[in-house]
Amino acid sequence: MAEPSESVKDAMNHLGVAKDSVYRWIEAKGLPAHRVSRLWKFKLSDLDEWVRAGGAGDDDEIPGRTAKK
């Protein structure tokens, strides 16, 4: 069975960040997402892989991670 596509709200809750961060990461950091009409959709396993690979970078807040100074 294929993994369902989740909403921006689901992505926010999964990553523990604000909606603005999700949209900013799509545009500037390559957060894995795809558009369905005017809505962004996500696969949570893709988000997890993106975070593990350091996709948000050191200057952004991710739960459980601290930024390097």
PDB file of N, CA and C in Angstrom:
ATOM      1  N   MET A   1       0.844  -1.184   0.000  1.00  0.00           N
ATOM      2  CA  MET A   1       0.000   0.000   0.000  1.00  0.00           C
ATOM      3  C   MET A   1       0.890   1.249   0.000  1.00  0.00           C
ATOM      4  N   ALA A   2       0.570   2.201  -0.828  1.00  0.00           N
ATOM      5  CA  ALA A   2       1.344   3.428  -0.953  1.00  0.00           C
ATOM      6  C   ALA A   2       1.146   4.315   0.275  1.00  0.00           C
ATOM      7  N   GLU A   3       2.202   5.030   0.614  1.00  0.00           N
ATOM      8  CA  GLU A   3       2.132   5.971   1.738  1.00  0.00           C
ATOM      9  C   GLU A   3       1.235   7.144   1.341  1.00  0.00           C
ATOM     10  N   PRO A   4       0.316   7.549   2.218  1.00  0.00           N
ATOM     11  CA  PRO A   4      -0.573   8.669   1.875  1.00  0.00           C
ATOM     12  C   PRO A   4       0.174   9.999   1.860  1.00  0.00           C
ATOM     13  N   SER A   5      -0.328  10.929   1.084  1.00  0.00           N
ATOM     14  CA  SER A   5       0.212  12.286   1.078  1.00  0.00           C
ATOM     15  C   SER A   5      -0.467  13.071   2.194  1.00  0.00           C
ATOM     16  N   GLU A   6       0.328  13.821   2.911  1.00  0.00           N
ATOM     17  CA  GLU A   6      -0.167  14.580   4.064  1.00  0.00           C
ATOM     18  C   GLU A   6      -0.203  16.070   3.747  1.00  0.00           C
ATOM     19  N   SER A   7      -0.952  16.812   4.561  1.00  0.00           N
ATOM     20  CA  SER A   7      -1.141  18.253   4.376  1.00  0.00           C
ATOM     21  C   SER A   7      -0.009  19.062   5.018  1.00  0.00           C
ATOM     22  N   VAL A   8      -0.023  20.368   4.763  1.00  0.00           N
ATOM     23  CA  VAL A   8       0.933  21.271   5.403  1.00  0.00           C
ATOM     24  C   VAL A   8       0.778  21.188   6.919  1.00  0.00           C
ATOM     25  N   LYS A   9      -0.451  21.136   7.404  1.00  0.00           N
ATOM     26  CA  LYS A   9      -0.678  21.042   8.850  1.00  0.00           C
ATOM     27  C   LYS A   9      -0.057  19.767   9.414  1.00  0.00           C
ATOM     28  N   ASP A  10      -0.203  18.653   8.703  1.00  0.00           N
ATOM     29  CA  ASP A  10       0.411  17.400   9.147  1.00  0.00           C
ATOM     30  C   ASP A  10       1.930  17.517   9.152  1.00  0.00           C
ATOM     31  N   ALA A  11       2.492  18.157   8.130  1.00  0.00           N
ATOM     32  CA  ALA A  11       3.946  18.352   8.059  1.00  0.00           C
ATOM     33  C   ALA A  11       4.429  19.228   9.212  1.00  0.00           C
ATOM     34  N   MET A  12       3.670  20.295   9.507  1.00  0.00           N
ATOM     35  CA  MET A  12       4.012  21.175  10.633  1.00  0.00           C
ATOM     36  C   MET A  12       4.070  20.383  11.929  1.00  0.00           C
ATOM     37  N   ASN A  13       3.042  19.598  12.181  1.00  0.00           N
ATOM     38  CA  ASN A  13       2.975  18.816  13.410  1.00  0.00           C
ATOM     39  C   ASN A  13       4.083  17.763  13.465  1.00  0.00           C
ATOM     40  N   HIS A  14       4.352  17.137  12.351  1.00  0.00           N
ATOM     41  CA  HIS A  14       5.375  16.086  12.295  1.00  0.00           C
ATOM     42  C   HIS A  14       6.766  16.653  12.561  1.00  0.00           C
ATOM     43  N   LEU A  15       7.043  17.834  11.987  1.00  0.00           N
ATOM     44  CA  LEU A  15       8.359  18.447  12.143  1.00  0.00           C
ATOM     45  C   LEU A  15       8.461  19.328  13.383  1.00  0.00           C
ATOM     46  N   GLY A  16       7.317  19.716  13.937  1.00  0.00           N
ATOM     47  CA  GLY A  16       7.318  20.577  15.120  1.00  0.00           C
ATOM     48  C   GLY A  16       7.721  22.007  14.821  1.00  0.00           C
ATOM     49  N   VAL A  17       7.312  22.497  13.651  1.00  0.00           N
ATOM     50  CA  VAL A  17       7.663  23.862  13.254  1.00  0.00           C
ATOM     51  C   VAL A  17       6.407  24.614  12.823  1.00  0.00           C
ATOM     52  N   ALA A  18       6.561  25.916  12.623  1.00  0.00           N
ATOM     53  CA  ALA A  18       5.455  26.764  12.183  1.00  0.00           C
ATOM     54  C   ALA A  18       5.208  26.608  10.684  1.00  0.00           C
ATOM     55  N   LYS A  19       4.026  27.003  10.256  1.00  0.00           N
ATOM     56  CA  LYS A  19       3.651  26.936   8.839  1.00  0.00           C
ATOM     57  C   LYS A  19       4.630  27.722   7.979  1.00  0.00           C
ATOM     58  N   ASP A  20       5.064  28.887   8.446  1.00  0.00           N
ATOM     59  CA  ASP A  20       6.017  29.698   7.689  1.00  0.00           C
ATOM     60  C   ASP A  20       7.312  28.941   7.427  1.00  0.00           C
ATOM     61  N   SER A  21       7.763  28.162   8.403  1.00  0.00           N
ATOM     62  CA  SER A  21       8.987  27.371   8.222  1.00  0.00           C
ATOM     63  C   SER A  21       8.806  26.331   7.135  1.00  0.00           C
ATOM     64  N   VAL A  22       7.657  25.676   7.113  1.00  0.00           N
ATOM     65  CA  VAL A  22       7.393  24.662   6.079  1.00  0.00           C
ATOM     66  C   VAL A  22       7.468  25.304   4.703  1.00  0.00           C
ATOM     67  N   TYR A  23       6.773  26.411   4.495  1.00  0.00           N
ATOM     68  CA  TYR A  23       6.789  27.078   3.191  1.00  0.00           C
ATOM     69  C   TYR A  23       8.189  27.597   2.839  1.00  0.00           C
ATOM     70  N   ARG A  24       8.886  28.156   3.818  1.00  0.00           N
ATOM     71  CA  ARG A  24      10.243  28.666   3.578  1.00  0.00           C
ATOM     72  C   ARG A  24      11.175  27.526   3.196  1.00  0.00           C
ATOM     73  N   TRP A  25      11.055  26.379   3.871  1.00  0.00           N
ATOM     74  CA  TRP A  25      11.915  25.238   3.572  1.00  0.00           C
ATOM     75  C   TRP A  25      11.605  24.647   2.200  1.00  0.00           C
ATOM     76  N   ILE A  26      10.351  24.677   1.763  1.00  0.00           N
ATOM     77  CA  ILE A  26      10.022  24.211   0.409  1.00  0.00           C
ATOM     78  C   ILE A  26      10.766  25.070  -0.610  1.00  0.00           C
ATOM     79  N   GLU A  27      10.679  26.370  -0.426  1.00  0.00           N
ATOM     80  CA  GLU A  27      11.251  27.308  -1.390  1.00  0.00           C
ATOM     81  C   GLU A  27      12.775  27.366  -1.337  1.00  0.00           C
ATOM     82  N   ALA A  28      13.335  27.462  -0.152  1.00  0.00           N
ATOM     83  CA  ALA A  28      14.772  27.740  -0.034  1.00  0.00           C
ATOM     84  C   ALA A  28      15.637  26.522   0.278  1.00  0.00           C
ATOM     85  N   LYS A  29      15.071  25.486   0.857  1.00  0.00           N
ATOM     86  CA  LYS A  29      15.894  24.371   1.329  1.00  0.00           C
ATOM     87  C   LYS A  29      15.555  23.041   0.678  1.00  0.00           C
ATOM     88  N   GLY A  30      14.610  23.043  -0.237  1.00  0.00           N
ATOM     89  CA  GLY A  30      14.294  21.813  -0.945  1.00  0.00           C
ATOM     90  C   GLY A  30      13.519  20.784  -0.143  1.00  0.00           C
ATOM     91  N   LEU A  31      12.686  21.241   0.781  1.00  0.00           N
ATOM     92  CA  LEU A  31      11.836  20.309   1.528  1.00  0.00           C
ATOM     93  C   LEU A  31      11.022  19.503   0.530  1.00  0.00           C
ATOM     94  N   PRO A  32      11.069  18.173   0.611  1.00  0.00           N
ATOM     95  CA  PRO A  32      10.354  17.364  -0.379  1.00  0.00           C
ATOM     96  C   PRO A  32       8.839  17.512  -0.266  1.00  0.00           C
ATOM     97  N   ALA A  33       8.250  18.059  -1.317  1.00  0.00           N
ATOM     98  CA  ALA A  33       6.807  18.306  -1.354  1.00  0.00           C
ATOM     99  C   ALA A  33       6.368  18.318  -2.807  1.00  0.00           C
ATOM    100  N   HIS A  34       5.089  18.119  -3.012  1.00  0.00           N
ATOM    101  CA  HIS A  34       4.548  18.251  -4.361  1.00  0.00           C
ATOM    102  C   HIS A  34       3.196  18.948  -4.288  1.00  0.00           C
ATOM    103  N   ARG A  35       2.878  19.656  -5.356  1.00  0.00           N
ATOM    104  CA  ARG A  35       1.615  20.396  -5.405  1.00  0.00           C
ATOM    105  C   ARG A  35       0.535  19.551  -6.022  1.00  0.00           C
ATOM    106  N   VAL A  36      -0.620  19.604  -5.391  1.00  0.00           N
ATOM    107  CA  VAL A  36      -1.832  19.017  -5.941  1.00  0.00           C
ATOM    108  C   VAL A  36      -2.814  20.178  -6.024  1.00  0.00           C
ATOM    109  N   SER A  37      -3.020  20.666  -7.231  1.00  0.00           N
ATOM    110  CA  SER A  37      -3.798  21.868  -7.455  1.00  0.00           C
ATOM    111  C   SER A  37      -3.082  23.020  -6.761  1.00  0.00           C
ATOM    112  N   ARG A  38      -3.694  23.648  -5.769  1.00  0.00           N
ATOM    113  CA  ARG A  38      -3.011  24.736  -5.055  1.00  0.00           C
ATOM    114  C   ARG A  38      -2.495  24.312  -3.697  1.00  0.00           C
ATOM    115  N   LEU A  39      -2.586  23.037  -3.381  1.00  0.00           N
ATOM    116  CA  LEU A  39      -2.184  22.543  -2.063  1.00  0.00           C
ATOM    117  C   LEU A  39      -0.841  21.822  -2.118  1.00  0.00           C
ATOM    118  N   TRP A  40      -0.021  21.995  -1.097  1.00  0.00           N
ATOM    119  CA  TRP A  40       1.223  21.246  -0.964  1.00  0.00           C
ATOM    120  C   TRP A  40       0.927  19.946  -0.233  1.00  0.00           C
ATOM    121  N   LYS A  41       1.540  18.862  -0.689  1.00  0.00           N
ATOM    122  CA  LYS A  41       1.378  17.547  -0.075  1.00  0.00           C
ATOM    123  C   LYS A  41       2.751  16.955   0.229  1.00  0.00           C
ATOM    124  N   PHE A  42       2.822  16.126   1.264  1.00  0.00           N
ATOM    125  CA  PHE A  42       4.081  15.590   1.768  1.00  0.00           C
ATOM    126  C   PHE A  42       3.939  14.111   2.098  1.00  0.00           C
ATOM    127  N   LYS A  43       5.020  13.387   1.955  1.00  0.00           N
ATOM    128  CA  LYS A  43       5.117  12.029   2.478  1.00  0.00           C
ATOM    129  C   LYS A  43       6.003  12.140   3.719  1.00  0.00           C
ATOM    130  N   LEU A  44       5.495  11.718   4.866  1.00  0.00           N
ATOM    131  CA  LEU A  44       6.222  11.905   6.121  1.00  0.00           C
ATOM    132  C   LEU A  44       7.569  11.194   6.110  1.00  0.00           C
ATOM    133  N   SER A  45       7.668  10.052   5.435  1.00  0.00           N
ATOM    134  CA  SER A  45       8.955   9.357   5.369  1.00  0.00           C
ATOM    135  C   SER A  45       9.977  10.201   4.597  1.00  0.00           C
ATOM    136  N   ASP A  46       9.536  10.946   3.568  1.00  0.00           N
ATOM    137  CA  ASP A  46      10.438  11.835   2.839  1.00  0.00           C
ATOM    138  C   ASP A  46      10.910  12.978   3.733  1.00  0.00           C
ATOM    139  N   LEU A  47      10.007  13.487   4.569  1.00  0.00           N
ATOM    140  CA  LEU A  47      10.394  14.555   5.498  1.00  0.00           C
ATOM    141  C   LEU A  47      11.428  14.053   6.491  1.00  0.00           C
ATOM    142  N   ASP A  48      11.221  12.853   7.025  1.00  0.00           N
ATOM    143  CA  ASP A  48      12.179  12.279   7.978  1.00  0.00           C
ATOM    144  C   ASP A  48      13.560  12.111   7.340  1.00  0.00           C
ATOM    145  N   GLU A  49      13.582  11.621   6.116  1.00  0.00           N
ATOM    146  CA  GLU A  49      14.851  11.420   5.416  1.00  0.00           C
ATOM    147  C   GLU A  49      15.538  12.758   5.165  1.00  0.00           C
ATOM    148  N   TRP A  50      14.769  13.774   4.791  1.00  0.00           N
ATOM    149  CA  TRP A  50      15.291  15.115   4.538  1.00  0.00           C
ATOM    150  C   TRP A  50      15.925  15.698   5.797  1.00  0.00           C
ATOM    151  N   VAL A  51      15.255  15.531   6.945  1.00  0.00           N
ATOM    152  CA  VAL A  51      15.795  16.035   8.210  1.00  0.00           C
ATOM    153  C   VAL A  51      17.083  15.297   8.563  1.00  0.00           C
ATOM    154  N   ARG A  52      17.069  13.960   8.449  1.00  0.00           N
ATOM    155  CA  ARG A  52      18.272  13.175   8.769  1.00  0.00           C
ATOM    156  C   ARG A  52      19.459  13.574   7.893  1.00  0.00           C
ATOM    157  N   ALA A  53      19.181  13.961   6.661  1.00  0.00           N
ATOM    158  CA  ALA A  53      20.237  14.361   5.733  1.00  0.00           C
ATOM    159  C   ALA A  53      20.709  15.798   5.970  1.00  0.00           C
ATOM    160  N   GLY A  54      20.114  16.488   6.949  1.00  0.00           N
ATOM    161  CA  GLY A  54      20.517  17.854   7.264  1.00  0.00           C
ATOM    162  C   GLY A  54      19.878  18.898   6.371  1.00  0.00           C
ATOM    163  N   GLY A  55      18.740  18.570   5.794  1.00  0.00           N
ATOM    164  CA  GLY A  55      18.081  19.456   4.838  1.00  0.00           C
ATOM    165  C   GLY A  55      17.757  20.842   5.340  1.00  0.00           C
ATOM    166  N   ALA A  56      17.437  20.977   6.610  1.00  0.00           N
ATOM    167  CA  ALA A  56      17.069  22.298   7.125  1.00  0.00           C
ATOM    168  C   ALA A  56      18.298  23.160   7.361  1.00  0.00           C
ATOM    169  N   GLY A  57      19.468  22.563   7.468  1.00  0.00           N
ATOM    170  CA  GLY A  57      20.689  23.318   7.704  1.00  0.00           C
ATOM    171  C   GLY A  57      20.864  23.651   9.165  1.00  0.00           C
ATOM    172  N   ASP A  58      22.036  24.123   9.487  1.00  0.00           N
ATOM    173  CA  ASP A  58      22.385  24.403  10.878  1.00  0.00           C
ATOM    174  C   ASP A  58      21.764  25.679  11.412  1.00  0.00           C
ATOM    175  N   ASP A  59      21.293  26.556  10.534  1.00  0.00           N
ATOM    176  CA  ASP A  59      20.768  27.840  10.990  1.00  0.00           C
ATOM    177  C   ASP A  59      19.279  27.812  11.286  1.00  0.00           C
ATOM    178  N   ASP A  60      18.624  26.684  11.070  1.00  0.00           N
ATOM    179  CA  ASP A  60      17.194  26.570  11.331  1.00  0.00           C
ATOM    180  C   ASP A  60      16.946  25.673  12.527  1.00  0.00           C
ATOM    181  N   GLU A  61      15.837  25.911  13.184  1.00  0.00           N
ATOM    182  CA  GLU A  61      15.495  25.116  14.358  1.00  0.00           C
ATOM    183  C   GLU A  61      14.737  23.865  13.953  1.00  0.00           C
ATOM    184  N   ILE A  62      15.203  22.747  14.462  1.00  0.00           N
ATOM    185  CA  ILE A  62      14.525  21.475  14.301  1.00  0.00           C
ATOM    186  C   ILE A  62      14.488  20.854  15.689  1.00  0.00           C
ATOM    187  N   PRO A  63      13.349  20.347  16.120  1.00  0.00           N
ATOM    188  CA  PRO A  63      13.283  19.740  17.440  1.00  0.00           C
ATOM    189  C   PRO A  63      14.379  18.677  17.617  1.00  0.00           C
ATOM    190  N   GLY A  64      15.048  18.733  18.764  1.00  0.00           N
ATOM    191  CA  GLY A  64      16.084  17.757  19.057  1.00  0.00           C
ATOM    192  C   GLY A  64      17.444  18.119  18.489  1.00  0.00           C
ATOM    193  N   ARG A  65      17.532  19.226  17.766  1.00  0.00           N
ATOM    194  CA  ARG A  65      18.795  19.663  17.197  1.00  0.00           C
ATOM    195  C   ARG A  65      19.110  21.058  17.673  1.00  0.00           C
ATOM    196  N   THR A  66      20.371  21.328  17.874  1.00  0.00           N
ATOM    197  CA  THR A  66      20.777  22.684  18.213  1.00  0.00           C
ATOM    198  C   THR A  66      21.616  23.235  17.084  1.00  0.00           C
ATOM    199  N   ALA A  67      21.490  24.519  16.857  1.00  0.00           N
ATOM    200  CA  ALA A  67      22.240  25.159  15.785  1.00  0.00           C
ATOM    201  C   ALA A  67      23.698  25.321  16.195  1.00  0.00           C
ATOM    202  N   LYS A  68      24.612  25.124  15.242  1.00  0.00           N
ATOM    203  CA  LYS A  68      26.042  25.353  15.496  1.00  0.00           C
ATOM    204  C   LYS A  68      26.305  26.831  15.415  1.00  0.00           C
ATOM    205  N   LYS A  69      27.220  27.279  16.257  1.00  0.00           N
ATOM    206  CA  LYS A  69      27.570  28.711  16.256  1.00  0.00           C
ATOM    207  C   LYS A  69      28.997  28.897  15.891  1.00  0.00           C
TER     208      LYS A  69
END
